[in-house]
Amino acid sequence: MPSLRLQRVGELLKRATGEVIRREFPVSEVGLVTVNDVAVSGDLHSAIVFISILGNQDQQKRGIALLKRHRKRIQGLVARSVVLKYTPALTFRFDDSVVRGNRVLQIIEELEKTNPTPSE
């Protein structure tokens, strides 16, 4: 379990990164990008940014490619808004946990429709 400090830094980076992405990249080009979580390493030198992109498949591919291509610029903008001794090197990863969670809920609803529970 990460320490309280790592959790706080992760939350700061999550907010700052989300704000930079929202401000710098138009939704029409990359889809709606959401920063789900940020995992910060113990030495605070690197961080993995988990993102999800709402949009079609093409927008998702373009979005992740664009974020990876502009990683250094995003990192620099985040460094201006979050004051840390070292700004962690950001790495972007696509997080499909929300999509998978929605799919599980959909399957549960379908099962409930086909197998209704007897009323008491």
Protein backbone atom coordinates (compact mmCIF):
# COMPACT_ATOMS: atom_id res chain seq x y z
CA MET A 1 0.00 0.00 0.00
CA PRO A 2 1.48 3.36 -0.99
CA SER A 3 2.31 5.85 1.71
CA LEU A 4 0.13 8.87 2.38
CA ARG A 5 2.70 11.11 0.69
CA LEU A 6 2.68 9.02 -2.50
CA GLN A 7 -1.12 9.07 -2.52
CA ARG A 8 -1.18 12.85 -2.13
CA VAL A 9 1.40 13.38 -4.87
CA GLY A 10 -0.49 10.98 -7.13
CA GLU A 11 -3.72 12.89 -6.57
CA LEU A 12 -1.99 16.22 -7.30
CA LEU A 13 -0.52 14.82 -10.51
CA LYS A 14 -3.88 13.34 -11.48
CA ARG A 15 -5.65 16.69 -11.18
CA ALA A 16 -2.88 18.67 -12.87
CA THR A 17 -2.48 16.20 -15.74
CA GLY A 18 -6.22 16.08 -16.33
CA GLU A 19 -6.38 19.86 -16.42
CA VAL A 20 -3.47 20.13 -18.87
CA ILE A 21 -4.98 17.53 -21.19
CA ARG A 22 -8.40 19.18 -21.04
CA ARG A 23 -6.92 22.59 -21.80
CA GLU A 24 -4.39 21.60 -24.49
CA PHE A 25 -6.12 18.93 -26.58
CA PRO A 26 -9.51 19.44 -28.26
CA VAL A 27 -12.17 16.79 -27.66
CA SER A 28 -12.97 16.62 -31.37
CA GLU A 29 -9.44 15.46 -32.11
CA VAL A 30 -8.69 12.99 -29.32
CA GLY A 31 -12.06 12.20 -27.77
CA LEU A 32 -12.93 12.84 -24.15
CA VAL A 33 -9.80 11.97 -22.18
CA THR A 34 -10.17 11.13 -18.48
CA VAL A 35 -7.29 10.58 -16.09
CA ASN A 36 -8.44 7.66 -13.95
CA ASP A 37 -5.43 7.25 -11.70
CA VAL A 38 -1.74 8.04 -11.31
CA ALA A 39 0.69 5.52 -9.83
CA VAL A 40 3.81 7.24 -8.51
CA SER A 41 7.05 5.36 -7.90
CA GLY A 42 8.53 5.35 -4.41
CA ASP A 43 11.35 7.74 -5.34
CA LEU A 44 8.92 10.14 -7.10
CA HIS A 45 10.99 10.05 -10.30
CA SER A 46 8.36 8.35 -12.46
CA ALA A 47 4.60 8.08 -12.63
CA ILE A 48 2.18 6.02 -14.71
CA VAL A 49 -0.91 7.94 -15.78
CA PHE A 50 -3.89 5.67 -16.42
CA ILE A 51 -6.29 7.25 -18.91
CA SER A 52 -9.54 6.32 -20.57
CA ILE A 53 -10.79 7.89 -23.76
CA LEU A 54 -14.45 8.22 -24.57
CA GLY A 55 -14.89 8.20 -28.30
CA ASN A 56 -14.69 5.89 -31.26
CA GLN A 57 -11.81 3.49 -31.84
CA ASP A 58 -10.02 5.91 -34.17
CA GLN A 59 -10.18 8.72 -31.60
CA GLN A 60 -8.85 6.40 -28.91
CA LYS A 61 -5.86 5.38 -31.03
CA ARG A 62 -5.15 8.99 -32.03
CA GLY A 63 -5.61 10.16 -28.46
CA ILE A 64 -3.14 7.75 -26.89
CA ALA A 65 -0.63 8.34 -29.69
CA LEU A 66 -0.96 12.11 -29.29
CA LEU A 67 -0.50 11.93 -25.52
CA LYS A 68 2.59 9.75 -25.89
CA ARG A 69 4.01 12.06 -28.57
CA HIS A 70 3.46 15.18 -26.44
CA ARG A 71 4.53 13.56 -23.16
CA LYS A 72 7.40 15.95 -22.48
CA ARG A 73 5.26 19.02 -23.15
CA ILE A 74 2.51 17.73 -20.86
CA GLN A 75 5.11 16.93 -18.22
CA GLY A 76 6.50 20.47 -18.45
CA LEU A 77 3.06 22.02 -18.08
CA VAL A 78 2.30 19.78 -15.10
CA ALA A 79 5.64 20.80 -13.55
CA ARG A 80 4.57 24.45 -13.67
CA SER A 81 1.38 23.77 -11.75
CA VAL A 82 2.66 21.19 -9.22
CA VAL A 83 5.65 22.29 -7.18
CA LEU A 84 7.84 19.29 -6.43
CA LYS A 85 11.59 18.85 -6.11
CA TYR A 86 11.47 16.45 -9.07
CA THR A 87 8.68 16.29 -11.57
CA PRO A 88 8.06 12.60 -12.25
CA ALA A 89 8.56 11.31 -15.78
CA LEU A 90 5.04 10.61 -16.99
CA THR A 91 4.10 7.44 -18.84
CA PHE A 92 0.62 7.12 -20.33
CA ARG A 93 -1.28 3.83 -20.26
CA PHE A 94 -4.73 3.13 -21.60
CA ASP A 95 -7.05 2.02 -18.79
CA ASP A 96 -10.08 0.06 -19.94
CA SER A 97 -11.31 -0.82 -16.45
CA VAL A 98 -14.36 1.44 -16.79
CA VAL A 99 -15.35 -0.26 -20.06
CA ARG A 100 -14.84 -3.69 -18.52
CA GLY A 101 -16.86 -2.69 -15.45
CA ASN A 102 -19.73 -1.47 -17.61
CA ARG A 103 -19.65 -4.73 -19.56
CA VAL A 104 -19.89 -6.75 -16.33
CA LEU A 105 -22.88 -4.66 -15.21
CA GLN A 106 -24.51 -5.21 -18.60
CA ILE A 107 -24.05 -8.98 -18.32
CA ILE A 108 -25.56 -8.95 -14.81
CA GLU A 109 -28.59 -7.02 -16.07
CA GLU A 110 -29.06 -9.50 -18.92
CA LEU A 111 -28.88 -12.42 -16.49
CA GLU A 112 -31.45 -10.79 -14.21
CA LYS A 113 -33.81 -10.30 -17.16
CA THR A 114 -33.58 -13.92 -18.27
CA ASN A 115 -33.67 -15.40 -14.74
CA PRO A 116 -36.00 -13.25 -12.64
CA THR A 117 -35.79 -13.93 -8.91
CA PRO A 118 -39.04 -15.21 -7.37
CA SER A 119 -40.82 -12.59 -5.29
CA GLU A 120 -41.43 -13.34 -1.67
